[in-house]
Amino acid sequence: MIGLTNSLLAQNNQVHIFDTSPIPEHIQKLKPYRDVHWSRGTINIKSGKEITGYLCYVPRVELVLSYKDGKIQTYTPLQIQKFGFFDQILRCMRHYQSIPVDSSADSRRYQIYEVITTGNFNLVRKETSSIDAYSYPTELVSSKLTFDYYIWDKLTLWPYRKFEKRLLPALGSENDEIEKYVGIAPSKLTVGHRRRMTRALNRLISEGDQTILTLAKK
């Protein structure tokens, strides 16, 4: 199962327990885009406003939609701080963050990433599915979803493979928990592998091991 639990939302000081009952049919029929699938959730806007109700994230166009009082409102990554929702198909909580990917002096561009685990290093991912995975039968949806993974330290966004190549060989021989991931081919690393490895790195940092931070910044 992919996505997050309420414990991760708690780490973000924002806990919402959503109604997990089916979305009303008249809401699901609202299709401003062909790949719209509504959920119950909360959007935090950078202005400080919080919107709770029906929402939908459309990865293909990187827009978040909310529905309230008969109206659909559209939000861009520039407007959003974060949002979370209960995925009706995968039956789990999912949490997203708007992350700056271009911090040059004259511009700042944001993109939306799903947050998998948090700490000094945050494991995030972006959906790369070229199809509408949610149009498939429920039991096939998770197998149709594809993602690119990244490590984000609030300043830099690294492709996860680059991060693996830099850190795993240097740290694996010194740490039993990390060493077991060194020989796994990137194509066989699951989201669970990546989550556990990132948490292991964060634990080492919390215990005072600065080697990881030094290696990451080389």
N, C-alpha and C. Protein backbone atom coordinates (compact mmCIF):
# COMPACT_ATOMS: atom_id res chain seq x y z
N MET A 1 0.85 -1.19 0.00
CA MET A 1 0.00 0.00 0.00
C MET A 1 0.88 1.23 0.00
N ILE A 2 0.51 2.24 -0.83
CA ILE A 2 1.32 3.43 -0.88
C ILE A 2 0.63 4.55 -0.14
N GLY A 3 1.35 5.66 0.06
CA GLY A 3 0.78 6.81 0.72
C GLY A 3 1.19 6.90 2.17
N LEU A 4 0.46 7.71 2.95
CA LEU A 4 0.87 8.03 4.30
C LEU A 4 -0.19 7.66 5.31
N THR A 5 0.22 7.64 6.56
CA THR A 5 -0.71 7.43 7.65
C THR A 5 -0.83 8.73 8.41
N ASN A 6 -1.73 8.77 9.41
CA ASN A 6 -1.92 9.99 10.17
C ASN A 6 -0.68 10.38 10.96
N SER A 7 0.27 9.43 11.22
CA SER A 7 1.47 9.76 11.97
C SER A 7 2.32 10.78 11.22
N LEU A 8 2.36 10.68 9.89
CA LEU A 8 3.16 11.63 9.12
C LEU A 8 2.49 12.99 9.14
N LEU A 9 1.17 13.02 9.06
CA LEU A 9 0.49 14.30 9.15
C LEU A 9 0.72 14.93 10.51
N ALA A 10 0.86 14.11 11.56
CA ALA A 10 1.14 14.63 12.88
C ALA A 10 2.50 15.30 12.92
N GLN A 11 3.49 14.73 12.20
CA GLN A 11 4.82 15.34 12.15
C GLN A 11 4.76 16.71 11.52
N ASN A 12 3.77 16.95 10.67
CA ASN A 12 3.61 18.23 10.02
C ASN A 12 2.67 19.14 10.81
N ASN A 13 2.39 18.74 12.08
CA ASN A 13 1.53 19.52 12.97
C ASN A 13 0.14 19.74 12.36
N GLN A 14 -0.32 18.80 11.58
CA GLN A 14 -1.61 18.95 10.94
C GLN A 14 -2.26 17.58 10.83
N VAL A 15 -3.16 17.28 11.75
CA VAL A 15 -3.80 15.97 11.75
C VAL A 15 -5.26 16.12 11.36
N HIS A 16 -5.67 15.41 10.34
CA HIS A 16 -7.06 15.40 9.93
C HIS A 16 -7.48 13.95 9.74
N ILE A 17 -8.56 13.57 10.41
CA ILE A 17 -9.12 12.24 10.22
C ILE A 17 -10.35 12.42 9.32
N PHE A 18 -10.24 12.00 8.07
CA PHE A 18 -11.29 12.26 7.12
C PHE A 18 -12.33 11.14 7.11
N ASP A 19 -13.54 11.53 6.74
CA ASP A 19 -14.61 10.58 6.50
C ASP A 19 -14.18 9.69 5.33
N THR A 20 -14.13 8.40 5.55
CA THR A 20 -13.65 7.47 4.52
C THR A 20 -14.79 6.80 3.75
N SER A 21 -16.01 7.25 3.96
CA SER A 21 -17.14 6.66 3.23
C SER A 21 -17.06 7.07 1.76
N PRO A 22 -17.74 6.35 0.87
CA PRO A 22 -17.67 6.65 -0.57
C PRO A 22 -18.05 8.09 -0.89
N ILE A 23 -17.41 8.64 -1.92
CA ILE A 23 -17.72 9.98 -2.38
C ILE A 23 -19.07 9.95 -3.09
N PRO A 24 -19.95 10.90 -2.81
CA PRO A 24 -21.26 10.92 -3.50
C PRO A 24 -21.12 10.91 -5.02
N GLU A 25 -22.02 10.22 -5.68
CA GLU A 25 -21.92 10.05 -7.13
C GLU A 25 -21.96 11.38 -7.87
N HIS A 26 -22.75 12.35 -7.38
CA HIS A 26 -22.86 13.63 -8.09
C HIS A 26 -21.55 14.42 -8.01
N ILE A 27 -20.74 14.13 -6.98
CA ILE A 27 -19.41 14.78 -6.89
C ILE A 27 -18.45 14.11 -7.86
N GLN A 28 -18.43 12.77 -7.87
CA GLN A 28 -17.52 12.04 -8.75
C GLN A 28 -17.80 12.33 -10.23
N LYS A 29 -19.00 12.74 -10.55
CA LYS A 29 -19.33 13.04 -11.95
C LYS A 29 -18.79 14.38 -12.41
N LEU A 30 -18.30 15.20 -11.49
CA LEU A 30 -17.73 16.51 -11.86
C LEU A 30 -16.37 16.26 -12.51
N LYS A 31 -16.23 16.56 -13.79
CA LYS A 31 -15.03 16.22 -14.54
C LYS A 31 -14.50 17.41 -15.34
N PRO A 32 -13.93 18.43 -14.67
CA PRO A 32 -13.32 19.53 -15.43
C PRO A 32 -12.11 19.06 -16.24
N TYR A 33 -11.49 17.94 -15.80
CA TYR A 33 -10.44 17.26 -16.57
C TYR A 33 -10.83 15.79 -16.64
N ARG A 34 -10.35 15.09 -17.67
CA ARG A 34 -10.76 13.70 -17.86
C ARG A 34 -10.30 12.79 -16.73
N ASP A 35 -9.13 13.12 -16.11
CA ASP A 35 -8.59 12.25 -15.07
C ASP A 35 -8.80 12.84 -13.67
N VAL A 36 -10.02 13.25 -13.39
CA VAL A 36 -10.37 13.80 -12.08
C VAL A 36 -11.03 12.72 -11.24
N HIS A 37 -10.51 12.54 -10.02
CA HIS A 37 -11.06 11.58 -9.06
C HIS A 37 -11.09 12.27 -7.70
N TRP A 38 -12.28 12.51 -7.19
CA TRP A 38 -12.45 13.32 -5.98
C TRP A 38 -12.20 12.53 -4.70
N SER A 39 -11.70 13.23 -3.68
CA SER A 39 -11.46 12.66 -2.35
C SER A 39 -11.84 13.71 -1.31
N ARG A 40 -11.84 13.30 -0.05
CA ARG A 40 -12.02 14.27 1.03
C ARG A 40 -10.65 14.62 1.59
N GLY A 41 -10.41 15.90 1.79
CA GLY A 41 -9.09 16.30 2.28
C GLY A 41 -9.03 17.75 2.67
N THR A 42 -7.80 18.23 2.84
CA THR A 42 -7.56 19.61 3.26
C THR A 42 -6.43 20.22 2.45
N ILE A 43 -6.62 21.47 2.04
CA ILE A 43 -5.59 22.23 1.34
C ILE A 43 -5.17 23.39 2.22
N ASN A 44 -3.85 23.55 2.41
CA ASN A 44 -3.31 24.70 3.12
C ASN A 44 -2.73 25.67 2.10
N ILE A 45 -3.32 26.86 2.02
CA ILE A 45 -2.89 27.88 1.08
C ILE A 45 -1.79 28.73 1.72
N LYS A 46 -0.85 29.24 0.92
CA LYS A 46 0.26 30.02 1.46
C LYS A 46 -0.19 31.30 2.15
N SER A 47 -1.39 31.77 1.82
CA SER A 47 -1.93 32.96 2.48
C SER A 47 -2.35 32.68 3.92
N GLY A 48 -2.37 31.38 4.29
CA GLY A 48 -2.77 31.00 5.64
C GLY A 48 -4.15 30.36 5.70
N LYS A 49 -4.88 30.39 4.61
CA LYS A 49 -6.23 29.83 4.57
C LYS A 49 -6.17 28.31 4.50
N GLU A 50 -7.11 27.66 5.18
CA GLU A 50 -7.24 26.20 5.12
C GLU A 50 -8.60 25.86 4.53
N ILE A 51 -8.59 24.97 3.54
CA ILE A 51 -9.82 24.57 2.86
C ILE A 51 -10.03 23.08 3.09
N THR A 52 -11.13 22.72 3.70
CA THR A 52 -11.45 21.32 3.97
C THR A 52 -12.72 20.92 3.23
N GLY A 53 -12.68 19.77 2.60
CA GLY A 53 -13.86 19.31 1.86
C GLY A 53 -13.46 18.36 0.75
N TYR A 54 -14.14 18.46 -0.38
CA TYR A 54 -13.82 17.62 -1.54
C TYR A 54 -12.67 18.25 -2.32
N LEU A 55 -11.66 17.44 -2.63
CA LEU A 55 -10.56 17.96 -3.44
C LEU A 55 -10.06 16.88 -4.40
N CYS A 56 -9.32 17.34 -5.38
CA CYS A 56 -8.74 16.43 -6.36
C CYS A 56 -7.42 16.98 -6.84
N TYR A 57 -6.39 16.13 -6.87
CA TYR A 57 -5.09 16.51 -7.43
C TYR A 57 -4.98 15.88 -8.81
N VAL A 58 -4.64 16.71 -9.81
CA VAL A 58 -4.49 16.24 -11.18
C VAL A 58 -3.01 16.35 -11.56
N PRO A 59 -2.21 15.27 -11.37
CA PRO A 59 -0.77 15.33 -11.61
C PRO A 59 -0.39 15.77 -13.02
N ARG A 60 -1.19 15.39 -14.00
CA ARG A 60 -0.85 15.68 -15.40
C ARG A 60 -0.70 17.18 -15.65
N VAL A 61 -1.53 17.98 -14.97
CA VAL A 61 -1.47 19.44 -15.16
C VAL A 61 -1.01 20.16 -13.89
N GLU A 62 -0.68 19.39 -12.84
CA GLU A 62 -0.23 19.93 -11.56
C GLU A 62 -1.16 21.01 -11.01
N LEU A 63 -2.42 20.63 -10.90
CA LEU A 63 -3.42 21.52 -10.32
C LEU A 63 -4.17 20.77 -9.22
N VAL A 64 -4.60 21.51 -8.21
CA VAL A 64 -5.43 20.96 -7.16
C VAL A 64 -6.79 21.64 -7.24
N LEU A 65 -7.85 20.86 -7.27
CA LEU A 65 -9.20 21.38 -7.36
C LEU A 65 -9.93 21.18 -6.04
N SER A 66 -10.74 22.13 -5.65
CA SER A 66 -11.61 21.96 -4.50
C SER A 66 -13.05 22.24 -4.92
N TYR A 67 -13.98 21.55 -4.27
CA TYR A 67 -15.39 21.74 -4.59
C TYR A 67 -16.14 22.09 -3.31
N LYS A 68 -16.83 23.23 -3.35
CA LYS A 68 -17.59 23.66 -2.18
C LYS A 68 -18.72 24.59 -2.62
N ASP A 69 -19.88 24.38 -2.05
CA ASP A 69 -21.05 25.23 -2.33
C ASP A 69 -21.34 25.33 -3.83
N GLY A 70 -21.18 24.20 -4.53
CA GLY A 70 -21.53 24.16 -5.93
C GLY A 70 -20.50 24.76 -6.87
N LYS A 71 -19.32 25.14 -6.35
CA LYS A 71 -18.30 25.75 -7.18
C LYS A 71 -16.98 24.98 -7.11
N ILE A 72 -16.28 24.92 -8.25
CA ILE A 72 -14.95 24.31 -8.30
C ILE A 72 -13.90 25.41 -8.34
N GLN A 73 -12.96 25.36 -7.41
CA GLN A 73 -11.85 26.32 -7.36
C GLN A 73 -10.56 25.60 -7.73
N THR A 74 -9.71 26.27 -8.50
CA THR A 74 -8.45 25.68 -8.96
C THR A 74 -7.27 26.36 -8.29
N TYR A 75 -6.28 25.56 -7.83
CA TYR A 75 -5.09 26.10 -7.18
C TYR A 75 -3.83 25.57 -7.86
N THR A 76 -2.84 26.44 -7.98
CA THR A 76 -1.57 26.08 -8.61
C THR A 76 -0.52 25.80 -7.54
N PRO A 77 0.60 25.17 -7.90
CA PRO A 77 1.68 24.93 -6.92
C PRO A 77 2.19 26.22 -6.26
N LEU A 78 2.13 27.34 -6.97
CA LEU A 78 2.58 28.61 -6.41
C LEU A 78 1.68 29.07 -5.27
N GLN A 79 0.42 28.70 -5.31
CA GLN A 79 -0.54 29.13 -4.29
C GLN A 79 -0.58 28.21 -3.08
N ILE A 80 -0.20 26.94 -3.29
CA ILE A 80 -0.39 25.91 -2.27
C ILE A 80 0.85 25.74 -1.40
N GLN A 81 0.63 25.53 -0.10
CA GLN A 81 1.72 25.13 0.79
C GLN A 81 1.78 23.60 0.87
N LYS A 82 0.63 23.00 1.17
CA LYS A 82 0.55 21.54 1.27
C LYS A 82 -0.91 21.13 1.22
N PHE A 83 -1.15 19.85 0.99
CA PHE A 83 -2.51 19.32 1.04
C PHE A 83 -2.45 17.83 1.31
N GLY A 84 -3.53 17.29 1.83
CA GLY A 84 -3.61 15.86 2.11
C GLY A 84 -5.03 15.37 1.88
N PHE A 85 -5.16 14.10 1.56
CA PHE A 85 -6.49 13.55 1.34
C PHE A 85 -6.48 12.04 1.57
N PHE A 86 -7.68 11.50 1.75
CA PHE A 86 -7.84 10.06 1.87
C PHE A 86 -8.11 9.51 0.49
N ASP A 87 -7.22 8.66 -0.01
CA ASP A 87 -7.34 8.06 -1.34
C ASP A 87 -8.38 6.94 -1.26
N GLN A 88 -9.52 7.16 -1.90
CA GLN A 88 -10.63 6.21 -1.82
C GLN A 88 -10.29 4.87 -2.48
N ILE A 89 -9.45 4.88 -3.50
CA ILE A 89 -9.12 3.65 -4.22
C ILE A 89 -8.05 2.85 -3.48
N LEU A 90 -6.98 3.53 -3.07
CA LEU A 90 -5.88 2.83 -2.39
C LEU A 90 -6.12 2.69 -0.90
N ARG A 91 -7.18 3.35 -0.39
CA ARG A 91 -7.58 3.24 1.03
C ARG A 91 -6.45 3.65 1.96
N CYS A 92 -5.89 4.82 1.72
CA CYS A 92 -4.82 5.31 2.59
C CYS A 92 -4.76 6.83 2.52
N MET A 93 -4.12 7.42 3.53
CA MET A 93 -3.88 8.86 3.53
C MET A 93 -2.69 9.17 2.63
N ARG A 94 -2.77 10.30 1.92
CA ARG A 94 -1.65 10.76 1.10
C ARG A 94 -1.44 12.25 1.38
N HIS A 95 -0.18 12.65 1.41
CA HIS A 95 0.16 14.02 1.79
C HIS A 95 1.13 14.60 0.78
N TYR A 96 0.92 15.86 0.39
CA TYR A 96 1.70 16.49 -0.66
C TYR A 96 2.22 17.86 -0.21
N GLN A 97 3.33 18.27 -0.81
CA GLN A 97 3.96 19.54 -0.49
C GLN A 97 4.32 20.26 -1.79
N SER A 98 4.16 21.58 -1.80
CA SER A 98 4.63 22.38 -2.93
C SER A 98 6.09 22.75 -2.65
N ILE A 99 7.00 22.34 -3.54
CA ILE A 99 8.44 22.48 -3.30
C ILE A 99 9.07 23.38 -4.37
N PRO A 100 9.91 24.35 -3.96
CA PRO A 100 10.58 25.20 -4.95
C PRO A 100 11.64 24.40 -5.70
N VAL A 101 11.59 24.44 -7.01
CA VAL A 101 12.58 23.71 -7.81
C VAL A 101 13.49 24.66 -8.59
N ASP A 102 13.22 25.96 -8.50
CA ASP A 102 14.07 26.97 -9.14
C ASP A 102 14.10 28.18 -8.23
N SER A 103 15.23 28.39 -7.55
CA SER A 103 15.33 29.46 -6.55
C SER A 103 16.23 30.58 -7.04
N SER A 104 16.32 30.80 -8.34
CA SER A 104 17.16 31.88 -8.86
C SER A 104 16.63 33.23 -8.39
N ALA A 105 17.48 34.22 -8.47
CA ALA A 105 17.16 35.53 -7.91
C ALA A 105 15.91 36.16 -8.51
N ASP A 106 15.66 35.90 -9.79
CA ASP A 106 14.54 36.58 -10.46
C ASP A 106 13.33 35.68 -10.69
N SER A 107 13.37 34.46 -10.19
CA SER A 107 12.21 33.59 -10.37
C SER A 107 12.21 32.49 -9.33
N ARG A 108 11.02 31.96 -9.06
CA ARG A 108 10.89 30.80 -8.16
C ARG A 108 9.75 29.94 -8.67
N ARG A 109 10.08 28.75 -9.11
CA ARG A 109 9.10 27.84 -9.68
C ARG A 109 8.82 26.72 -8.69
N TYR A 110 7.56 26.37 -8.51
CA TYR A 110 7.17 25.33 -7.57
C TYR A 110 6.56 24.14 -8.30
N GLN A 111 6.76 22.96 -7.73
CA GLN A 111 6.11 21.76 -8.21
C GLN A 111 5.58 20.98 -7.01
N ILE A 112 4.61 20.12 -7.26
CA ILE A 112 3.97 19.36 -6.19
C ILE A 112 4.58 17.97 -6.12
N TYR A 113 4.98 17.56 -4.90
CA TYR A 113 5.55 16.24 -4.66
C TYR A 113 4.80 15.57 -3.51
N GLU A 114 4.65 14.26 -3.61
CA GLU A 114 4.06 13.50 -2.51
C GLU A 114 5.14 13.21 -1.48
N VAL A 115 4.83 13.47 -0.22
CA VAL A 115 5.78 13.27 0.87
C VAL A 115 5.61 11.86 1.44
N ILE A 116 6.70 11.10 1.45
CA ILE A 116 6.65 9.73 1.94
C ILE A 116 7.14 9.63 3.39
N THR A 117 8.26 10.29 3.69
CA THR A 117 8.73 10.33 5.07
C THR A 117 9.52 11.61 5.28
N THR A 118 9.55 12.10 6.52
CA THR A 118 10.16 13.40 6.80
C THR A 118 11.33 13.29 7.77
N GLY A 119 12.17 14.31 7.81
CA GLY A 119 13.35 14.36 8.68
C GLY A 119 14.35 15.34 8.11
N ASN A 120 15.63 15.20 8.48
CA ASN A 120 16.66 16.01 7.83
C ASN A 120 16.61 15.81 6.33
N PHE A 121 16.41 14.54 5.94
CA PHE A 121 16.18 14.20 4.54
C PHE A 121 14.72 13.77 4.40
N ASN A 122 14.03 14.39 3.47
CA ASN A 122 12.63 14.06 3.22
C ASN A 122 12.55 13.23 1.93
N LEU A 123 11.91 12.09 2.01
CA LEU A 123 11.70 11.26 0.83
C LEU A 123 10.41 11.70 0.17
N VAL A 124 10.50 12.17 -1.08
CA VAL A 124 9.32 12.63 -1.82
C VAL A 124 9.29 11.96 -3.18
N ARG A 125 8.16 12.04 -3.84
CA ARG A 125 8.07 11.43 -5.16
C ARG A 125 7.08 12.20 -6.02
N LYS A 126 7.24 12.04 -7.34
CA LYS A 126 6.35 12.68 -8.31
C LYS A 126 5.81 11.60 -9.24
N GLU A 127 4.50 11.62 -9.44
CA GLU A 127 3.89 10.62 -10.31
C GLU A 127 4.29 10.84 -11.77
N THR A 128 4.66 9.76 -12.45
CA THR A 128 5.08 9.84 -13.85
C THR A 128 4.18 9.01 -14.76
N SER A 129 3.07 8.50 -14.22
CA SER A 129 2.17 7.65 -15.00
C SER A 129 1.69 8.40 -16.24
N SER A 130 1.78 7.75 -17.39
CA SER A 130 1.32 8.37 -18.63
C SER A 130 -0.14 8.03 -18.92
N ILE A 131 -0.74 7.26 -18.02
CA ILE A 131 -2.14 6.86 -18.18
C ILE A 131 -2.91 7.26 -16.93
N ASP A 132 -4.21 7.24 -17.01
CA ASP A 132 -5.05 7.48 -15.85
C ASP A 132 -5.20 6.16 -15.10
N ALA A 133 -4.31 5.94 -14.13
CA ALA A 133 -4.29 4.66 -13.42
C ALA A 133 -5.61 4.38 -12.72
N TYR A 134 -6.30 5.42 -12.29
CA TYR A 134 -7.53 5.24 -11.53
C TYR A 134 -8.72 4.83 -12.40
N SER A 135 -8.50 4.80 -13.71
CA SER A 135 -9.57 4.33 -14.60
C SER A 135 -9.59 2.81 -14.69
N TYR A 136 -8.56 2.16 -14.13
CA TYR A 136 -8.47 0.70 -14.15
C TYR A 136 -9.23 0.12 -12.96
N PRO A 137 -9.54 -1.18 -12.99
CA PRO A 137 -10.16 -1.82 -11.83
C PRO A 137 -9.33 -1.59 -10.57
N THR A 138 -10.00 -1.48 -9.44
CA THR A 138 -9.36 -1.12 -8.18
C THR A 138 -8.12 -1.96 -7.89
N GLU A 139 -8.18 -3.27 -8.14
CA GLU A 139 -7.07 -4.15 -7.80
C GLU A 139 -5.84 -3.91 -8.68
N LEU A 140 -5.99 -3.16 -9.77
CA LEU A 140 -4.86 -2.91 -10.68
C LEU A 140 -4.26 -1.52 -10.55
N VAL A 141 -4.92 -0.64 -9.82
CA VAL A 141 -4.50 0.77 -9.77
C VAL A 141 -3.06 0.93 -9.30
N SER A 142 -2.70 0.30 -8.16
CA SER A 142 -1.35 0.49 -7.62
C SER A 142 -0.28 0.01 -8.57
N SER A 143 -0.56 -1.02 -9.37
CA SER A 143 0.43 -1.53 -10.31
C SER A 143 0.58 -0.63 -11.53
N LYS A 144 -0.39 0.22 -11.78
CA LYS A 144 -0.34 1.13 -12.92
C LYS A 144 0.31 2.47 -12.58
N LEU A 145 0.43 2.78 -11.30
CA LEU A 145 1.03 4.04 -10.89
C LEU A 145 2.55 3.94 -10.93
N THR A 146 3.21 4.93 -11.51
CA THR A 146 4.67 4.97 -11.54
C THR A 146 5.15 6.31 -10.99
N PHE A 147 6.36 6.30 -10.40
CA PHE A 147 6.86 7.49 -9.73
C PHE A 147 8.36 7.66 -9.94
N ASP A 148 8.83 8.90 -9.88
CA ASP A 148 10.24 9.21 -9.71
C ASP A 148 10.42 9.67 -8.27
N TYR A 149 11.50 9.18 -7.63
CA TYR A 149 11.75 9.49 -6.22
C TYR A 149 12.87 10.51 -6.06
N TYR A 150 12.75 11.31 -4.99
CA TYR A 150 13.72 12.37 -4.72
C TYR A 150 13.97 12.47 -3.21
N ILE A 151 15.13 13.04 -2.88
CA ILE A 151 15.44 13.42 -1.51
C ILE A 151 15.46 14.94 -1.45
N TRP A 152 14.76 15.50 -0.46
CA TRP A 152 14.66 16.96 -0.31
C TRP A 152 15.06 17.33 1.11
N ASP A 153 16.03 18.26 1.23
CA ASP A 153 16.47 18.69 2.57
C ASP A 153 16.02 20.12 2.87
N LYS A 154 14.97 20.58 2.20
CA LYS A 154 14.41 21.93 2.30
C LYS A 154 15.20 22.95 1.51
N LEU A 155 16.38 22.55 1.01
CA LEU A 155 17.19 23.45 0.18
C LEU A 155 17.43 22.87 -1.21
N THR A 156 17.74 21.59 -1.24
CA THR A 156 18.10 20.92 -2.50
C THR A 156 17.21 19.71 -2.73
N LEU A 157 16.87 19.49 -3.99
CA LEU A 157 16.08 18.33 -4.39
C LEU A 157 16.96 17.43 -5.24
N TRP A 158 17.32 16.24 -4.69
CA TRP A 158 18.18 15.30 -5.41
C TRP A 158 17.35 14.18 -6.01
N PRO A 159 17.60 13.79 -7.26
CA PRO A 159 17.02 12.53 -7.74
C PRO A 159 17.51 11.40 -6.83
N TYR A 160 16.62 10.51 -6.46
CA TYR A 160 16.98 9.49 -5.48
C TYR A 160 18.14 8.61 -5.94
N ARG A 161 18.20 8.30 -7.23
CA ARG A 161 19.28 7.44 -7.72
C ARG A 161 20.65 8.09 -7.51
N LYS A 162 20.72 9.39 -7.73
CA LYS A 162 21.97 10.11 -7.50
C LYS A 162 22.34 10.05 -6.03
N PHE A 163 21.33 10.19 -5.18
CA PHE A 163 21.54 10.12 -3.74
C PHE A 163 22.03 8.74 -3.32
N GLU A 164 21.42 7.71 -3.90
CA GLU A 164 21.83 6.33 -3.60
C GLU A 164 23.29 6.09 -3.98
N LYS A 165 23.65 6.50 -5.17
CA LYS A 165 25.01 6.26 -5.66
C LYS A 165 26.05 6.98 -4.82
N ARG A 166 25.69 8.13 -4.29
CA ARG A 166 26.64 8.92 -3.51
C ARG A 166 26.79 8.43 -2.08
N LEU A 167 25.65 8.09 -1.46
CA LEU A 167 25.69 7.80 -0.02
C LEU A 167 25.78 6.31 0.34
N LEU A 168 25.04 5.46 -0.36
CA LEU A 168 24.99 4.06 0.05
C LEU A 168 26.34 3.37 0.08
N PRO A 169 27.17 3.47 -0.97
CA PRO A 169 28.46 2.78 -0.92
C PRO A 169 29.35 3.30 0.21
N ALA A 170 29.26 4.59 0.51
CA ALA A 170 30.12 5.18 1.54
C ALA A 170 29.67 4.81 2.94
N LEU A 171 28.38 4.58 3.14
CA LEU A 171 27.85 4.34 4.48
C LEU A 171 27.50 2.89 4.76
N GLY A 172 27.25 2.13 3.69
CA GLY A 172 26.77 0.76 3.87
C GLY A 172 27.67 -0.12 4.70
N SER A 173 28.99 -0.04 4.50
CA SER A 173 29.91 -0.91 5.22
C SER A 173 29.99 -0.58 6.70
N GLU A 174 29.49 0.58 7.09
CA GLU A 174 29.57 1.00 8.49
C GLU A 174 28.24 0.89 9.22
N ASN A 175 27.19 0.54 8.50
CA ASN A 175 25.88 0.51 9.13
C ASN A 175 25.09 -0.69 8.60
N ASP A 176 24.78 -1.62 9.49
CA ASP A 176 24.10 -2.85 9.07
C ASP A 176 22.74 -2.58 8.43
N GLU A 177 22.02 -1.59 8.95
CA GLU A 177 20.67 -1.31 8.45
C GLU A 177 20.71 -0.77 7.02
N ILE A 178 21.75 -0.01 6.71
CA ILE A 178 21.89 0.57 5.37
C ILE A 178 22.56 -0.41 4.41
N GLU A 179 23.50 -1.22 4.93
CA GLU A 179 24.27 -2.13 4.08
C GLU A 179 23.37 -3.08 3.29
N LYS A 180 22.27 -3.50 3.87
CA LYS A 180 21.42 -4.48 3.18
C LYS A 180 20.74 -3.92 1.93
N TYR A 181 20.77 -2.59 1.78
CA TYR A 181 20.17 -1.99 0.59
C TYR A 181 21.18 -1.74 -0.52
N VAL A 182 22.47 -1.85 -0.22
CA VAL A 182 23.51 -1.49 -1.18
C VAL A 182 23.45 -2.34 -2.45
N GLY A 183 23.19 -3.62 -2.31
CA GLY A 183 23.22 -4.50 -3.48
C GLY A 183 21.93 -4.61 -4.25
N ILE A 184 20.89 -3.88 -3.82
CA ILE A 184 19.59 -3.98 -4.51
C ILE A 184 19.59 -3.07 -5.73
N ALA A 185 19.24 -3.63 -6.88
CA ALA A 185 19.17 -2.82 -8.11
C ALA A 185 18.08 -1.77 -7.95
N PRO A 186 18.34 -0.54 -8.44
CA PRO A 186 17.35 0.54 -8.31
C PRO A 186 15.96 0.14 -8.77
N SER A 187 15.87 -0.67 -9.83
CA SER A 187 14.57 -1.07 -10.36
C SER A 187 13.80 -1.97 -9.40
N LYS A 188 14.51 -2.58 -8.44
CA LYS A 188 13.87 -3.49 -7.49
C LYS A 188 13.64 -2.86 -6.11
N LEU A 189 14.11 -1.61 -5.93
CA LEU A 189 13.86 -0.92 -4.67
C LEU A 189 12.40 -0.48 -4.61
N THR A 190 11.69 -0.92 -3.60
CA THR A 190 10.28 -0.55 -3.45
C THR A 190 10.19 0.74 -2.65
N VAL A 191 8.98 1.30 -2.58
CA VAL A 191 8.79 2.50 -1.76
C VAL A 191 9.10 2.18 -0.30
N GLY A 192 8.81 0.94 0.13
CA GLY A 192 9.14 0.55 1.50
C GLY A 192 10.63 0.54 1.75
N HIS A 193 11.42 0.02 0.80
CA HIS A 193 12.88 0.04 0.92
C HIS A 193 13.37 1.48 1.07
N ARG A 194 12.89 2.35 0.20
CA ARG A 194 13.35 3.74 0.22
C ARG A 194 12.95 4.45 1.51
N ARG A 195 11.74 4.16 1.98
CA ARG A 195 11.27 4.79 3.22
C ARG A 195 12.15 4.36 4.40
N ARG A 196 12.40 3.05 4.50
CA ARG A 196 13.19 2.55 5.64
C ARG A 196 14.63 3.04 5.58
N MET A 197 15.21 3.12 4.37
CA MET A 197 16.57 3.59 4.24
C MET A 197 16.68 5.07 4.60
N THR A 198 15.71 5.86 4.17
CA THR A 198 15.73 7.29 4.50
C THR A 198 15.57 7.50 5.99
N ARG A 199 14.72 6.72 6.62
CA ARG A 199 14.56 6.83 8.07
C ARG A 199 15.84 6.44 8.80
N ALA A 200 16.54 5.44 8.26
CA ALA A 200 17.81 5.02 8.88
C ALA A 200 18.84 6.15 8.78
N LEU A 201 18.90 6.83 7.63
CA LEU A 201 19.81 7.96 7.48
C LEU A 201 19.46 9.07 8.47
N ASN A 202 18.18 9.36 8.61
CA ASN A 202 17.75 10.41 9.53
C ASN A 202 18.07 10.07 10.98
N ARG A 203 17.97 8.78 11.32
CA ARG A 203 18.32 8.37 12.69
C ARG A 203 19.80 8.58 12.96
N LEU A 204 20.65 8.26 11.96
CA LEU A 204 22.08 8.47 12.14
C LEU A 204 22.40 9.95 12.37
N ILE A 205 21.72 10.82 11.63
CA ILE A 205 21.94 12.26 11.80
C ILE A 205 21.49 12.69 13.19
N SER A 206 20.33 12.20 13.64
CA SER A 206 19.83 12.58 14.95
C SER A 206 20.73 12.09 16.07
N GLU A 207 21.50 11.04 15.78
CA GLU A 207 22.44 10.51 16.77
C GLU A 207 23.80 11.21 16.70
N GLY A 208 23.90 12.22 15.84
CA GLY A 208 25.11 13.03 15.80
C GLY A 208 26.09 12.70 14.70
N ASP A 209 25.72 11.81 13.77
CA ASP A 209 26.62 11.45 12.66
C ASP A 209 26.48 12.49 11.55
N GLN A 210 27.48 13.37 11.41
CA GLN A 210 27.44 14.43 10.40
C GLN A 210 28.05 13.99 9.07
N THR A 211 28.58 12.76 9.00
CA THR A 211 29.19 12.26 7.76
C THR A 211 28.20 12.31 6.61
N ILE A 212 26.96 11.95 6.89
CA ILE A 212 25.94 11.91 5.85
C ILE A 212 25.73 13.28 5.24
N LEU A 213 25.63 14.31 6.09
CA LEU A 213 25.41 15.65 5.59
C LEU A 213 26.59 16.12 4.77
N THR A 214 27.80 15.75 5.20
CA THR A 214 29.02 16.14 4.46
C THR A 214 29.05 15.49 3.10
N LEU A 215 28.75 14.19 3.04
CA LEU A 215 28.74 13.47 1.77
C LEU A 215 27.67 14.03 0.82
N ALA A 216 26.52 14.35 1.37
CA ALA A 216 25.41 14.82 0.54
C ALA A 216 25.71 16.16 -0.10
N LYS A 217 26.53 16.96 0.55
CA LYS A 217 26.79 18.31 0.06
C LYS A 217 28.02 18.40 -0.84
N LYS A 218 28.71 17.29 -1.05
CA LYS A 218 29.90 17.31 -1.91
C LYS A 218 29.52 17.58 -3.35
